[in-house]
Protein backbone atom coordinates (compact mmCIF):
# COMPACT_ATOMS: atom_id res chain seq x y z
CA MET A 1 17.20 -22.89 -6.71
CA ASN A 2 14.69 -20.12 -7.36
CA LYS A 3 11.13 -21.23 -8.05
CA ALA A 4 7.89 -19.77 -9.39
CA SER A 5 4.84 -22.02 -9.09
CA LEU A 6 1.08 -21.82 -9.32
CA ILE A 7 -0.14 -23.52 -6.15
CA ASN A 8 -3.53 -24.35 -4.71
CA TRP A 9 -3.79 -22.31 -1.51
CA LYS A 10 -6.88 -23.41 0.42
CA GLY A 11 -8.87 -23.75 -2.79
CA MET A 12 -7.56 -20.66 -4.60
CA PRO A 13 -4.76 -20.52 -7.20
CA VAL A 14 -1.86 -18.43 -5.93
CA ALA A 15 1.49 -17.55 -7.50
CA GLU A 16 4.22 -18.68 -5.10
CA LEU A 17 7.74 -17.29 -5.52
CA LYS A 18 10.82 -18.64 -3.74
CA ALA A 19 14.16 -16.87 -4.09
CA GLY A 20 16.95 -15.33 -2.02
CA GLY A 21 15.76 -17.03 1.15
CA TYR A 22 12.30 -15.45 0.87
CA THR A 23 8.85 -16.80 -0.01
CA ALA A 24 6.10 -14.63 -1.49
CA MET A 25 2.51 -15.51 -2.33
CA ILE A 26 0.59 -13.33 -4.81
CA ALA A 27 -3.18 -13.74 -5.05
CA ASN A 28 -4.08 -12.36 -8.46
CA GLU A 29 -7.72 -13.25 -7.82
CA ILE A 30 -7.76 -10.89 -4.81
CA GLY A 31 -6.50 -7.69 -6.40
CA SER A 32 -2.92 -8.94 -7.00
CA ASN A 33 -2.45 -8.86 -3.24
CA VAL A 34 0.84 -10.14 -1.80
CA ILE A 35 -0.92 -12.16 0.87
CA ARG A 36 2.36 -13.37 2.34
CA LEU A 37 6.02 -12.37 2.35
CA HIS A 38 8.27 -14.43 4.61
CA ASP A 39 12.01 -14.42 5.27
CA ASP A 40 12.59 -18.17 5.58
CA VAL A 41 16.13 -17.75 6.91
CA ASN A 42 15.63 -15.09 9.56
CA GLY A 43 12.04 -15.84 10.59
CA ILE A 44 10.39 -12.56 9.57
CA GLU A 45 6.69 -12.43 8.63
CA PHE A 46 6.38 -9.13 6.76
CA PHE A 47 2.65 -8.79 6.19
CA ARG A 48 -0.37 -9.64 8.31
CA TYR A 49 -0.75 -13.39 7.99
CA THR A 50 -2.13 -16.15 10.20
CA SER A 51 -2.23 -19.90 9.69
CA ASP A 52 -6.01 -19.96 9.79
CA VAL A 53 -6.69 -17.11 7.33
CA THR A 54 -8.55 -18.17 4.18
CA PRO A 55 -9.22 -16.69 0.74
CA GLU A 56 -12.77 -15.95 1.89
CA ILE A 57 -11.57 -13.97 4.91
CA ILE A 58 -9.16 -11.90 2.82
CA SER A 59 -11.74 -11.35 0.07
CA GLY A 60 -14.18 -10.07 2.68
CA SER A 61 -11.68 -7.49 4.03
CA THR A 62 -9.24 -6.92 1.20
CA GLU A 63 -7.74 -3.73 2.64
CA VAL A 64 -6.47 -5.27 5.88
CA TRP A 65 -4.47 -8.32 4.74
CA GLY A 66 -1.16 -8.55 2.91
CA LEU A 67 -0.17 -5.78 0.52
CA PRO A 68 -3.34 -4.47 -1.15
CA THR A 69 -2.92 -1.88 -3.90
CA LEU A 70 -5.46 0.95 -3.87
CA TYR A 71 -6.26 3.16 -6.85
CA LEU A 72 -8.07 6.35 -5.80
CA PRO A 73 -7.22 5.44 -2.22
CA ASN A 74 -8.66 6.76 0.99
CA ARG A 75 -11.53 9.23 0.89
CA MET A 76 -13.38 11.39 -1.63
CA ALA A 77 -15.72 13.84 0.10
CA ASP A 78 -19.37 13.04 -0.66
CA GLY A 79 -18.16 10.70 -3.42
CA VAL A 80 -17.35 13.65 -5.69
CA LEU A 81 -14.30 13.38 -7.95
CA ARG A 82 -13.36 16.48 -9.94
CA THR A 83 -10.89 16.16 -12.80
CA SER A 84 -9.72 18.86 -15.19
CA ASP A 85 -12.35 17.86 -17.78
CA ALA A 86 -15.21 16.25 -15.82
CA VAL A 87 -16.98 15.73 -12.49
CA TYR A 88 -17.74 12.14 -11.44
CA GLN A 89 -20.05 10.91 -8.68
CA LEU A 90 -18.75 7.81 -6.92
CA PRO A 91 -20.95 5.83 -4.51
CA VAL A 92 -20.87 6.96 -0.90
CA ASN A 93 -19.73 3.72 0.74
CA GLU A 94 -18.59 5.22 4.04
CA LYS A 95 -21.71 6.27 5.86
CA ALA A 96 -22.43 9.01 8.39
CA PRO A 97 -20.74 10.80 9.97
CA PHE A 98 -18.12 10.38 7.21
CA ASN A 99 -20.25 10.40 4.04
CA ASN A 100 -17.29 9.67 1.77
CA HIS A 101 -16.32 7.32 -1.01
CA LEU A 102 -13.57 5.01 0.26
CA HIS A 103 -10.86 3.07 -1.66
CA PHE A 104 -12.58 2.42 -5.04
CA ILE A 105 -12.48 -1.24 -6.28
CA LEU A 106 -9.09 -2.32 -7.67
CA GLN A 107 -8.14 -4.34 -4.58
CA LYS A 108 -11.41 -6.32 -4.77
CA ARG A 109 -11.24 -7.49 -8.39
CA LYS A 110 -9.93 -10.71 -9.93
CA HIS A 111 -6.77 -9.86 -11.86
CA ARG A 112 -5.19 -11.94 -14.61
CA LEU A 113 -1.89 -13.75 -14.07
CA THR A 114 0.12 -13.03 -17.22
CA GLU A 115 3.58 -14.35 -16.37
CA LEU A 116 5.16 -16.67 -13.80
CA SER A 117 8.80 -17.70 -14.05
CA ALA A 118 12.23 -17.93 -12.40
CA ASP A 119 15.89 -17.87 -13.37
CA ASP A 120 19.23 -18.02 -11.57
CA THR A 121 18.84 -14.56 -10.02
CA LYS A 122 15.15 -14.16 -9.20
CA ALA A 123 11.57 -15.42 -9.39
CA TRP A 124 8.78 -13.22 -10.71
CA ALA A 125 5.10 -12.91 -11.41
CA LYS A 126 3.15 -10.42 -13.53
CA THR A 127 -0.54 -9.64 -13.37
CA GLU A 128 -2.92 -7.17 -14.96
CA TYR A 129 -6.39 -5.73 -14.61
CA ILE A 130 -8.31 -3.85 -17.31
CA PHE A 131 -10.99 -1.52 -16.02
CA ASP A 132 -13.66 -1.06 -18.66
CA GLU A 133 -17.37 -1.51 -19.40
CA LYS A 134 -17.27 -5.06 -18.01
CA ASP A 135 -16.74 -3.70 -14.48
CA GLU A 136 -19.94 -2.63 -12.73
CA PHE A 137 -18.12 0.43 -11.35
CA PHE A 138 -17.50 1.75 -14.87
CA GLN A 139 -20.88 3.48 -14.70
CA TYR A 140 -19.45 5.78 -12.01
CA LEU A 141 -16.00 6.34 -13.52
CA PRO A 142 -16.19 5.70 -17.30
CA ILE A 143 -12.43 5.89 -17.85
CA LYS A 144 -10.85 2.79 -19.32
CA PHE A 145 -7.40 1.94 -17.96
CA ARG A 146 -5.00 -0.97 -17.51
CA ALA A 147 -3.04 -1.73 -14.34
CA ASP A 148 0.09 -3.87 -14.78
CA PHE A 149 1.76 -5.39 -11.71
CA THR A 150 5.26 -6.89 -11.48
CA PHE A 151 6.57 -8.79 -8.45
CA GLU A 152 10.25 -9.86 -8.35
CA LEU A 153 11.73 -11.88 -5.50
CA SER A 154 15.50 -12.24 -5.04
CA ASP A 155 18.21 -11.75 -2.44
CA ARG A 156 17.17 -8.07 -2.61
CA GLY A 157 13.82 -9.04 -1.08
CA LEU A 158 10.58 -8.22 -2.86
CA ASP A 159 10.54 -5.60 -5.61
CA TYR A 160 7.03 -4.52 -6.55
CA LYS A 161 6.03 -2.21 -9.41
CA VAL A 162 2.66 -1.09 -10.77
CA THR A 163 1.98 0.82 -13.98
CA PHE A 164 -1.32 2.48 -14.86
CA THR A 165 -2.10 3.31 -18.49
CA ASN A 166 -4.97 5.53 -19.58
CA LEU A 167 -6.83 3.68 -22.36
CA SER A 168 -9.58 6.29 -22.64
CA ASP A 169 -9.95 9.57 -24.52
CA VAL A 170 -10.37 11.71 -21.37
CA MET A 171 -8.10 12.72 -18.50
CA MET A 172 -7.55 9.99 -15.88
CA PRO A 173 -7.19 10.96 -12.20
CA MET A 174 -4.08 9.48 -10.62
CA SER A 175 -3.78 8.74 -6.93
CA LEU A 176 -2.24 5.54 -5.62
CA ALA A 177 -1.45 3.85 -2.31
CA THR A 178 -0.84 0.51 -0.68
CA HIS A 179 -2.69 -0.29 2.54
CA THR A 180 0.44 -2.09 3.76
CA THR A 181 -0.33 -4.41 6.69
CA ILE A 182 2.79 -5.18 8.73
CA ASN A 183 2.51 -8.21 10.99
CA SER A 184 2.82 -7.54 14.72
CA PRO A 185 5.09 -8.98 15.92
CA PHE A 186 6.91 -9.58 12.65
CA VAL A 187 9.89 -11.53 14.03
CA ASP A 188 9.50 -15.13 15.21
CA GLY A 189 9.56 -15.03 19.01
CA GLY A 190 9.21 -11.26 19.09
CA ARG A 191 6.98 -9.12 21.29
CA GLN A 192 4.74 -6.33 20.06
CA GLU A 193 5.99 -3.90 22.69
CA ASP A 194 9.53 -4.17 21.26
CA ILE A 195 8.55 -2.89 17.79
CA ARG A 196 9.65 0.59 16.77
CA VAL A 197 8.97 2.41 13.53
CA GLN A 198 11.06 5.19 11.99
CA LEU A 199 9.07 7.33 9.57
CA PRO A 200 10.79 10.09 7.55
CA ILE A 201 8.28 12.92 7.87
CA GLY A 202 8.29 16.68 7.37
CA GLU A 203 4.90 18.19 8.21
CA LYS A 204 1.63 16.95 9.68
CA TRP A 205 -1.63 17.36 7.77
CA ILE A 206 -4.63 17.90 10.02
CA LEU A 207 -7.77 15.88 9.30
CA ASN A 208 -11.31 16.68 10.40
CA GLU A 209 -13.95 14.41 11.93
CA ARG A 210 -14.65 12.97 8.44
CA CYS A 211 -10.96 12.07 8.02
CA LEU A 212 -10.61 14.73 5.33
CA PRO A 213 -7.81 17.35 5.22
CA THR A 214 -8.73 20.71 6.71
CA GLY A 215 -5.98 22.50 4.79
CA GLU A 216 -4.04 23.10 8.00
CA ILE A 217 -0.44 21.88 7.94
CA ARG A 218 1.52 21.89 11.21
CA ALA A 219 5.09 21.54 12.31
CA LEU A 220 5.89 18.29 14.09
CA ASP A 221 5.25 18.14 17.83
CA ASP A 222 6.74 15.73 20.38
CA TYR A 223 4.23 13.00 19.45
CA ASP A 224 5.18 13.24 15.77
CA LEU A 225 8.89 13.37 16.47
CA GLU A 226 8.68 9.88 17.97
CA TYR A 227 8.06 8.67 14.39
CA LYS A 228 10.93 10.70 12.98
CA ASN A 229 13.36 9.59 15.69
CA GLY A 230 12.46 5.89 15.49
CA GLU A 231 10.94 5.81 18.98
CA LYS A 232 7.29 5.13 18.09
CA CYS A 233 5.71 1.79 18.99
CA PRO A 234 3.08 1.41 16.26
CA VAL A 235 0.79 -0.97 18.18
CA LEU A 236 -0.83 -1.40 21.61
CA THR A 237 -2.36 2.06 21.35
CA ASP A 238 -4.88 3.50 18.90
CA ILE A 239 -3.26 5.22 15.90
CA SER A 240 -5.94 6.63 13.63
CA ASN A 241 -4.78 8.27 10.40
CA ASP A 242 -1.63 10.19 11.33
CA MET A 243 -0.96 11.97 8.01
CA TYR A 244 2.46 13.37 7.02
CA THR A 245 4.52 14.72 4.14
CA ALA A 246 7.26 12.23 3.22
CA LEU A 247 10.98 12.96 3.42
CA THR A 248 14.23 11.00 3.01
CA GLN A 249 16.12 9.46 5.93
CA GLN A 250 19.37 7.53 6.39
CA LEU A 251 19.82 3.77 6.49
CA LYS A 252 23.31 2.39 7.00
CA GLY A 253 24.79 5.72 5.96
CA GLU A 254 22.84 5.99 2.70
CA ASP A 255 19.79 8.00 1.67
CA PHE A 256 16.67 5.92 2.15
CA TYR A 257 13.20 6.98 1.01
CA GLY A 258 11.03 4.74 3.11
CA VAL A 259 10.15 3.36 6.53
CA ILE A 260 12.37 1.37 8.90
CA MET A 261 10.73 -1.04 11.34
CA MET A 262 12.78 -2.79 14.02
CA ASP A 263 12.35 -5.33 16.79
CA LYS A 264 14.64 -3.63 19.28
CA ALA A 265 15.01 -6.71 21.50
CA LEU A 266 15.90 -9.16 18.71
CA ASN A 267 17.69 -6.58 16.51
CA LYS A 268 15.86 -7.65 13.36
CA GLY A 269 13.74 -5.48 11.16
CA ILE A 270 12.05 -4.58 7.90
CA ALA A 271 13.16 -1.98 5.37
CA TYR A 272 10.26 -0.62 3.32
CA GLU A 273 11.52 1.54 0.46
CA VAL A 274 9.26 3.40 -1.96
CA SER A 275 9.78 5.44 -5.12
CA LYS A 276 9.57 9.24 -5.09
CA GLU A 277 6.05 9.15 -6.56
CA TYR A 278 4.86 8.50 -3.01
CA ASN A 279 4.61 11.94 -1.41
CA PHE A 280 2.90 11.08 1.88
CA TRP A 281 2.77 8.56 4.71
CA ILE A 282 -0.32 7.82 6.74
CA MET A 283 -0.22 5.59 9.84
CA TRP A 284 -3.18 3.50 11.02
CA ASN A 285 -3.38 0.40 13.20
CA ASP A 286 -7.03 -0.69 13.50
CA ARG A 287 -7.20 0.39 17.16
CA GLY A 288 -3.82 -1.16 17.94
CA PHE A 289 -4.63 -4.61 19.27
CA ASN A 290 -5.36 -6.69 16.16
CA GLY A 291 -1.89 -7.98 15.33
CA TYR A 292 -0.87 -5.54 12.61
CA PHE A 293 -0.20 -1.90 11.74
CA CYS A 294 -0.26 0.01 8.47
CA PRO A 295 2.42 2.44 7.26
CA GLU A 296 0.64 3.49 4.07
CA PRO A 297 2.50 5.37 1.32
CA MET A 298 0.25 7.61 -0.80
CA THR A 299 1.11 9.47 -3.98
CA ALA A 300 -1.52 12.14 -3.33
CA MET A 301 -3.27 13.68 -0.35
CA ILE A 302 -6.69 12.43 0.80
CA ASP A 303 -9.44 13.98 -1.38
CA ALA A 304 -6.67 15.54 -3.51
CA PRO A 305 -8.74 16.09 -6.72
CA ASN A 306 -11.17 18.25 -4.77
CA LEU A 307 -8.74 20.31 -2.70
CA ASP A 308 -8.27 23.99 -3.50
CA MET A 309 -4.52 23.65 -3.20
CA PRO A 310 -1.67 23.50 -5.76
CA VAL A 311 -0.87 20.05 -7.13
CA GLU A 312 2.75 20.54 -6.06
CA GLN A 313 1.40 20.36 -2.51
CA THR A 314 -1.28 17.69 -2.88
CA GLY A 315 0.61 15.30 -5.19
CA TYR A 316 -2.44 14.92 -7.45
CA CYS A 317 -1.89 14.39 -11.15
CA GLU A 318 -3.78 13.23 -14.23
CA LEU A 319 -2.87 11.00 -17.16
CA ALA A 320 -3.62 12.12 -20.68
CA PRO A 321 -5.00 9.53 -23.13
CA GLY A 322 -2.31 6.89 -23.76
CA GLU A 323 -0.10 8.13 -20.92
CA SER A 324 1.31 5.80 -18.22
CA TYR A 325 2.28 6.21 -14.56
CA THR A 326 4.61 3.90 -12.61
CA ALA A 327 5.39 3.60 -8.91
CA ALA A 328 7.59 1.08 -7.12
CA GLN A 329 8.27 -0.39 -3.68
CA ARG A 330 10.79 -2.75 -2.11
CA PHE A 331 10.73 -4.85 1.07
CA TYR A 332 13.73 -6.58 2.63
CA SER A 333 15.02 -7.81 5.96
CA LEU A 334 17.35 -5.93 8.26
CA VAL A 335 19.47 -8.41 10.21
């Protein structure tokens, strides 16, 4: 029987979903983060999770646990954000030599749980966050918006959707990502050295010493082709912001817009599918020896609002007053 319950997880209320042989835990009070997704049948721990992690630990490092959603993700050079009708100055929270604004605040805020239920086919939770004058960051970006999150668990795995709605009377910059933390190893009894990731990529974007795009776009070399061919081990070596244009690949003979991660020894894996709004993949692994790696889908290039490049290339867009923007992802086991 599918279940949706509000549980006490180490002192914090968490929405727990059970359906289709999976368990998911959504912490609305930590940015609507999916702090755990587990395949209870096949022994697959999707996201970075340890038995001793606490709400306090996750709250202190919200970007590197679970599935954190980032609005205005990655870096804005010198904190400057240029839209079609304004220029905003965000705090520089990434110090020298970077001197950037990093990741905004959505993943750090307490969101509101608006729905929690289950039926014969699935279990689901819905959350929301309204960014307005009550948020201390509104002084830097005075654009009111609402973010609505939907999480559905079933025998399809986890379906996740987020919708942003511009509640202001000015243009709203739109760039979105998840800082997806994949557990390493992710299969019970697995070894990190047996993990391989297959990333459908087209071109490599070159970043400078501040992790900002230089404007140079290169063809894939042998290093990059390891991603494309499914030969790349995403841990046990330092991967620092490998940035690529996203393409479609094949999974079981069908078009698949996403990343495939496999334990080659145990022949179990994770399928991570995203909607076409996500135009880029960036790979990062926190130096490679911390028990996780991050295939991060991004709708727009790093520093996209400030780049002197066409939006068709950078993925950047803006929402007019009252307009909405939706992106979706799906996670499921490959066994």
